[in-house]
C-alpha cells in the first residue's frame, strides 16, 4: 500500500522505512530481525567497507 507524501514534508532518506504506531506486531517482528542482523558477521563485514570498526558496532549491539 502506498501513499502520497505532501511536497512540504521531507522525503525519507534512501533505505528509510516507517511503521504505523498501532502496528505493534510488525514492530516486534522488525525488531527481532534487526536483533539478528546488527552485530552479525555479515553486518560487521559490510560496515567495515564504510570504515566502521568492530568497536563502533559493539557500542550499538
PDB file of N, CA and C in Angstrom:
ATOM      1  N   UNK A   1       0.851  -1.166   0.000  1.00  0.00           N
ATOM      2  CA  UNK A   1       0.000   0.000   0.000  1.00  0.00           C
ATOM      3  C   UNK A   1       0.897   1.229   0.000  1.00  0.00           C
ATOM      4  N   UNK A   2       0.704   2.131  -0.910  1.00  0.00           N
ATOM      5  CA  UNK A   2       1.486   3.358  -0.978  1.00  0.00           C
ATOM      6  C   UNK A   2       0.642   4.566  -0.633  1.00  0.00           C
ATOM      7  N   UNK A   3       1.302   5.655  -0.402  1.00  0.00           N
ATOM      8  CA  UNK A   3       0.593   6.892  -0.136  1.00  0.00           C
ATOM      9  C   UNK A   3       1.449   8.056  -0.590  1.00  0.00           C
ATOM     10  N   UNK A   4       0.808   9.138  -0.869  1.00  0.00           N
ATOM     11  CA  UNK A   4       1.491  10.346  -1.328  1.00  0.00           C
ATOM     12  C   UNK A   4       2.012  11.132  -0.133  1.00  0.00           C
ATOM     13  N   UNK A   5       3.233  11.614  -0.239  1.00  0.00           N
ATOM     14  CA  UNK A   5       3.819  12.486   0.780  1.00  0.00           C
ATOM     15  C   UNK A   5       3.711  13.900   0.257  1.00  0.00           C
ATOM     16  N   UNK A   6       3.032  14.797   1.007  1.00  0.00           N
ATOM     17  CA  UNK A   6       2.904  16.176   0.540  1.00  0.00           C
ATOM     18  C   UNK A   6       4.272  16.799   0.305  1.00  0.00           C
ATOM     19  N   UNK A   7       4.398  17.658  -0.711  1.00  0.00           N
ATOM     20  CA  UNK A   7       5.700  18.275  -1.024  1.00  0.00           C
ATOM     21  C   UNK A   7       6.307  19.058   0.135  1.00  0.00           C
ATOM     22  N   UNK A   8       5.486  19.500   1.089  1.00  0.00           N
ATOM     23  CA  UNK A   8       6.019  20.272   2.214  1.00  0.00           C
ATOM     24  C   UNK A   8       6.741  19.383   3.224  1.00  0.00           C
ATOM     25  N   UNK A   9       6.513  18.065   3.145  1.00  0.00           N
ATOM     26  CA  UNK A   9       7.192  17.146   4.057  1.00  0.00           C
ATOM     27  C   UNK A   9       8.497  16.679   3.429  1.00  0.00           C
ATOM     28  N   UNK A  10       9.475  16.455   4.267  1.00  0.00           N
ATOM     29  CA  UNK A  10      10.766  15.960   3.783  1.00  0.00           C
ATOM     30  C   UNK A  10      10.617  14.497   3.374  1.00  0.00           C
ATOM     31  N   UNK A  11      11.160  14.166   2.226  1.00  0.00           N
ATOM     32  CA  UNK A  11      11.149  12.781   1.770  1.00  0.00           C
ATOM     33  C   UNK A  11      12.093  11.954   2.645  1.00  0.00           C
ATOM     34  N   UNK A  12      11.749  10.685   2.909  1.00  0.00           N
ATOM     35  CA  UNK A  12      12.654   9.853   3.711  1.00  0.00           C
ATOM     36  C   UNK A  12      13.947   9.591   2.965  1.00  0.00           C
ATOM     37  N   UNK A  13      14.990   9.352   3.706  1.00  0.00           N
ATOM     38  CA  UNK A  13      16.282   9.003   3.115  1.00  0.00           C
ATOM     39  C   UNK A  13      16.188   7.625   2.483  1.00  0.00           C
ATOM     40  N   UNK A  14      17.079   7.356   1.551  1.00  0.00           N
ATOM     41  CA  UNK A  14      17.110   6.040   0.920  1.00  0.00           C
ATOM     42  C   UNK A  14      17.300   4.973   1.994  1.00  0.00           C
ATOM     43  N   UNK A  15      16.506   3.957   1.930  1.00  0.00           N
ATOM     44  CA  UNK A  15      16.605   2.878   2.901  1.00  0.00           C
ATOM     45  C   UNK A  15      15.776   3.099   4.157  1.00  0.00           C
ATOM     46  N   UNK A  16      15.135   4.234   4.279  1.00  0.00           N
ATOM     47  CA  UNK A  16      14.321   4.516   5.455  1.00  0.00           C
ATOM     48  C   UNK A  16      12.979   3.817   5.342  1.00  0.00           C
ATOM     49  N   UNK A  17      12.352   3.553   6.464  1.00  0.00           N
ATOM     50  CA  UNK A  17      11.015   2.991   6.466  1.00  0.00           C
ATOM     51  C   UNK A  17      10.291   3.480   7.703  1.00  0.00           C
ATOM     52  N   UNK A  18       8.988   3.339   7.689  1.00  0.00           N
ATOM     53  CA  UNK A  18       8.171   3.767   8.820  1.00  0.00           C
ATOM     54  C   UNK A  18       7.192   2.653   9.167  1.00  0.00           C
ATOM     55  N   UNK A  19       6.831   2.585  10.422  1.00  0.00           N
ATOM     56  CA  UNK A  19       5.871   1.600  10.907  1.00  0.00           C
ATOM     57  C   UNK A  19       4.762   2.362  11.610  1.00  0.00           C
ATOM     58  N   UNK A  20       3.535   2.028  11.291  1.00  0.00           N
ATOM     59  CA  UNK A  20       2.403   2.665  11.954  1.00  0.00           C
ATOM     60  C   UNK A  20       2.458   2.443  13.456  1.00  0.00           C
ATOM     61  N   UNK A  21       2.169   3.470  14.226  1.00  0.00           N
ATOM     62  CA  UNK A  21       2.260   3.369  15.686  1.00  0.00           C
ATOM     63  C   UNK A  21       1.404   2.253  16.253  1.00  0.00           C
ATOM     64  N   UNK A  22       0.301   1.940  15.590  1.00  0.00           N
ATOM     65  CA  UNK A  22      -0.594   0.910  16.096  1.00  0.00           C
ATOM     66  C   UNK A  22      -0.243  -0.496  15.647  1.00  0.00           C
ATOM     67  N   UNK A  23       0.823  -0.663  14.866  1.00  0.00           N
ATOM     68  CA  UNK A  23       1.166  -1.981  14.341  1.00  0.00           C
ATOM     69  C   UNK A  23       2.277  -2.607  15.179  1.00  0.00           C
ATOM     70  N   UNK A  24       1.939  -2.983  16.390  1.00  0.00           N
ATOM     71  CA  UNK A  24       2.954  -3.497  17.311  1.00  0.00           C
ATOM     72  C   UNK A  24       3.495  -4.855  16.876  1.00  0.00           C
ATOM     73  N   UNK A  25       2.691  -5.669  16.201  1.00  0.00           N
ATOM     74  CA  UNK A  25       3.172  -6.973  15.742  1.00  0.00           C
ATOM     75  C   UNK A  25       4.286  -6.795  14.707  1.00  0.00           C
ATOM     76  N   UNK A  26       4.099  -5.880  13.763  1.00  0.00           N
ATOM     77  CA  UNK A  26       5.125  -5.621  12.755  1.00  0.00           C
ATOM     78  C   UNK A  26       6.372  -5.037  13.409  1.00  0.00           C
ATOM     79  N   UNK A  27       6.202  -4.132  14.350  1.00  0.00           N
ATOM     80  CA  UNK A  27       7.340  -3.542  15.054  1.00  0.00           C
ATOM     81  C   UNK A  27       8.158  -4.613  15.779  1.00  0.00           C
ATOM     82  N   UNK A  28       7.475  -5.538  16.453  1.00  0.00           N
ATOM     83  CA  UNK A  28       8.183  -6.622  17.156  1.00  0.00           C
ATOM     84  C   UNK A  28       8.938  -7.506  16.169  1.00  0.00           C
ATOM     85  N   UNK A  29       8.336  -7.791  15.017  1.00  0.00           N
ATOM     86  CA  UNK A  29       8.996  -8.638  14.014  1.00  0.00           C
ATOM     87  C   UNK A  29      10.231  -7.960  13.433  1.00  0.00           C
ATOM     88  N   UNK A  30      10.109  -6.671  13.115  1.00  0.00           N
ATOM     89  CA  UNK A  30      11.252  -5.931  12.580  1.00  0.00           C
ATOM     90  C   UNK A  30      12.357  -5.836  13.628  1.00  0.00           C
ATOM     91  N   UNK A  31      11.990  -5.573  14.875  1.00  0.00           N
ATOM     92  CA  UNK A  31      12.995  -5.525  15.944  1.00  0.00           C
ATOM     93  C   UNK A  31      13.718  -6.864  16.076  1.00  0.00           C
ATOM     94  N   UNK A  32      12.990  -7.970  15.965  1.00  0.00           N
ATOM     95  CA  UNK A  32      13.608  -9.292  16.063  1.00  0.00           C
ATOM     96  C   UNK A  32      14.586  -9.515  14.912  1.00  0.00           C
ATOM     97  N   UNK A  33      14.201  -9.106  13.712  1.00  0.00           N
ATOM     98  CA  UNK A  33      15.091  -9.248  12.556  1.00  0.00           C
ATOM     99  C   UNK A  33      16.344  -8.396  12.720  1.00  0.00           C
ATOM    100  N   UNK A  34      16.177  -7.167  13.199  1.00  0.00           N
ATOM    101  CA  UNK A  34      17.330  -6.289  13.409  1.00  0.00           C
ATOM    102  C   UNK A  34      18.243  -6.837  14.502  1.00  0.00           C
ATOM    103  N   UNK A  35      17.646  -7.442  15.536  1.00  0.00           N
ATOM    104  CA  UNK A  35      18.463  -8.046  16.595  1.00  0.00           C
ATOM    105  C   UNK A  35      19.359  -9.143  16.031  1.00  0.00           C
ATOM    106  N   UNK A  36      18.847  -9.910  15.055  1.00  0.00           N
ATOM    107  CA  UNK A  36      19.641 -10.963  14.431  1.00  0.00           C
ATOM    108  C   UNK A  36      20.711 -10.389  13.504  1.00  0.00           C
ATOM    109  N   UNK A  37      20.408  -9.285  12.842  1.00  0.00           N
ATOM    110  CA  UNK A  37      21.305  -8.717  11.842  1.00  0.00           C
ATOM    111  C   UNK A  37      22.431  -7.887  12.450  1.00  0.00           C
ATOM    112  N   UNK A  38      22.077  -6.928  13.295  1.00  0.00           N
ATOM    113  CA  UNK A  38      23.064  -5.978  13.809  1.00  0.00           C
ATOM    114  C   UNK A  38      24.067  -6.696  14.706  1.00  0.00           C
ATOM    115  N   UNK A  39      25.321  -6.581  14.333  1.00  0.00           N
ATOM    116  CA  UNK A  39      26.394  -7.225  15.071  1.00  0.00           C
ATOM    117  C   UNK A  39      26.791  -8.581  14.509  1.00  0.00           C
ATOM    118  N   UNK A  40      26.039  -9.068  13.514  1.00  0.00           N
ATOM    119  CA  UNK A  40      26.381 -10.357  12.905  1.00  0.00           C
ATOM    120  C   UNK A  40      27.673 -10.219  12.105  1.00  0.00           C
ATOM    121  N   UNK A  41      28.261 -11.349  11.757  1.00  0.00           N
ATOM    122  CA  UNK A  41      29.486 -11.324  10.956  1.00  0.00           C
ATOM    123  C   UNK A  41      29.260 -10.588   9.637  1.00  0.00           C
ATOM    124  N   UNK A  42      28.127 -10.863   8.988  1.00  0.00           N
ATOM    125  CA  UNK A  42      27.817 -10.197   7.719  1.00  0.00           C
ATOM    126  C   UNK A  42      27.739  -8.680   7.912  1.00  0.00           C
ATOM    127  N   UNK A  43      27.061  -8.246   8.954  1.00  0.00           N
ATOM    128  CA  UNK A  43      26.896  -6.819   9.242  1.00  0.00           C
ATOM    129  C   UNK A  43      28.255  -6.171   9.492  1.00  0.00           C
ATOM    130  N   UNK A  44      29.099  -6.838  10.249  1.00  0.00           N
ATOM    131  CA  UNK A  44      30.425  -6.292  10.553  1.00  0.00           C
ATOM    132  C   UNK A  44      31.276  -6.162   9.286  1.00  0.00           C
ATOM    133  N   UNK A  45      31.224  -7.181   8.411  1.00  0.00           N
ATOM    134  CA  UNK A  45      31.982  -7.109   7.153  1.00  0.00           C
ATOM    135  C   UNK A  45      31.455  -5.971   6.274  1.00  0.00           C
ATOM    136  N   UNK A  46      30.141  -5.841   6.188  1.00  0.00           N
ATOM    137  CA  UNK A  46      29.560  -4.785   5.367  1.00  0.00           C
ATOM    138  C   UNK A  46      29.948  -3.407   5.905  1.00  0.00           C
ATOM    139  N   UNK A  47      29.846  -3.207   7.206  1.00  0.00           N
ATOM    140  CA  UNK A  47      30.131  -1.903   7.790  1.00  0.00           C
ATOM    141  C   UNK A  47      31.624  -1.569   7.736  1.00  0.00           C
ATOM    142  N   UNK A  48      32.483  -2.594   7.747  1.00  0.00           N
ATOM    143  CA  UNK A  48      33.926  -2.364   7.642  1.00  0.00           C
ATOM    144  C   UNK A  48      34.264  -1.695   6.311  1.00  0.00           C
ATOM    145  N   UNK A  49      33.494  -1.988   5.272  1.00  0.00           N
ATOM    146  CA  UNK A  49      33.733  -1.348   3.969  1.00  0.00           C
ATOM    147  C   UNK A  49      33.504   0.157   4.029  1.00  0.00           C
ATOM    148  N   UNK A  50      32.751   0.617   5.028  1.00  0.00           N
ATOM    149  CA  UNK A  50      32.469   2.043   5.183  1.00  0.00           C
ATOM    150  C   UNK A  50      33.265   2.662   6.325  1.00  0.00           C
ATOM    151  N   UNK A  51      34.261   1.921   6.808  1.00  0.00           N
ATOM    152  CA  UNK A  51      35.166   2.468   7.810  1.00  0.00           C
ATOM    153  C   UNK A  51      34.759   2.242   9.255  1.00  0.00           C
ATOM    154  N   UNK A  52      33.727   1.438   9.499  1.00  0.00           N
ATOM    155  CA  UNK A  52      33.307   1.173  10.874  1.00  0.00           C
ATOM    156  C   UNK A  52      34.065  -0.027  11.420  1.00  0.00           C
ATOM    157  N   UNK A  53      34.534   0.088  12.641  1.00  0.00           N
ATOM    158  CA  UNK A  53      35.280  -0.995  13.281  1.00  0.00           C
ATOM    159  C   UNK A  53      34.335  -1.855  14.128  1.00  0.00           C
ATOM    160  N   UNK A  54      34.847  -2.995  14.586  1.00  0.00           N
ATOM    161  CA  UNK A  54      34.061  -3.833  15.493  1.00  0.00           C
ATOM    162  C   UNK A  54      33.688  -3.065  16.757  1.00  0.00           C
ATOM    163  N   UNK A  55      34.599  -2.244  17.255  1.00  0.00           N
ATOM    164  CA  UNK A  55      34.278  -1.488  18.474  1.00  0.00           C
ATOM    165  C   UNK A  55      33.170  -0.463  18.228  1.00  0.00           C
ATOM    166  N   UNK A  56      33.108   0.099  17.024  1.00  0.00           N
ATOM    167  CA  UNK A  56      31.999   1.006  16.684  1.00  0.00           C
ATOM    168  C   UNK A  56      30.675   0.254  16.746  1.00  0.00           C
ATOM    169  N   UNK A  57      30.644  -0.934  16.186  1.00  0.00           N
ATOM    170  CA  UNK A  57      29.423  -1.728  16.157  1.00  0.00           C
ATOM    171  C   UNK A  57      29.068  -2.222  17.562  1.00  0.00           C
ATOM    172  N   UNK A  58      30.080  -2.585  18.336  1.00  0.00           N
ATOM    173  CA  UNK A  58      29.826  -3.073  19.701  1.00  0.00           C
ATOM    174  C   UNK A  58      29.105  -2.031  20.553  1.00  0.00           C
ATOM    175  N   UNK A  59      29.260  -0.777  20.248  1.00  0.00           N
ATOM    176  CA  UNK A  59      28.587   0.269  21.018  1.00  0.00           C
ATOM    177  C   UNK A  59      27.079   0.276  20.823  1.00  0.00           C
ATOM    178  N   UNK A  60      26.596  -0.298  19.718  1.00  0.00           N
ATOM    179  CA  UNK A  60      25.158  -0.281  19.457  1.00  0.00           C
ATOM    180  C   UNK A  60      24.514  -1.655  19.626  1.00  0.00           C
ATOM    181  N   UNK A  61      25.334  -2.686  19.857  1.00  0.00           N
ATOM    182  CA  UNK A  61      24.776  -4.033  19.960  1.00  0.00           C
ATOM    183  C   UNK A  61      24.372  -4.312  21.388  1.00  0.00           C
TER     184      UNK A  61
END
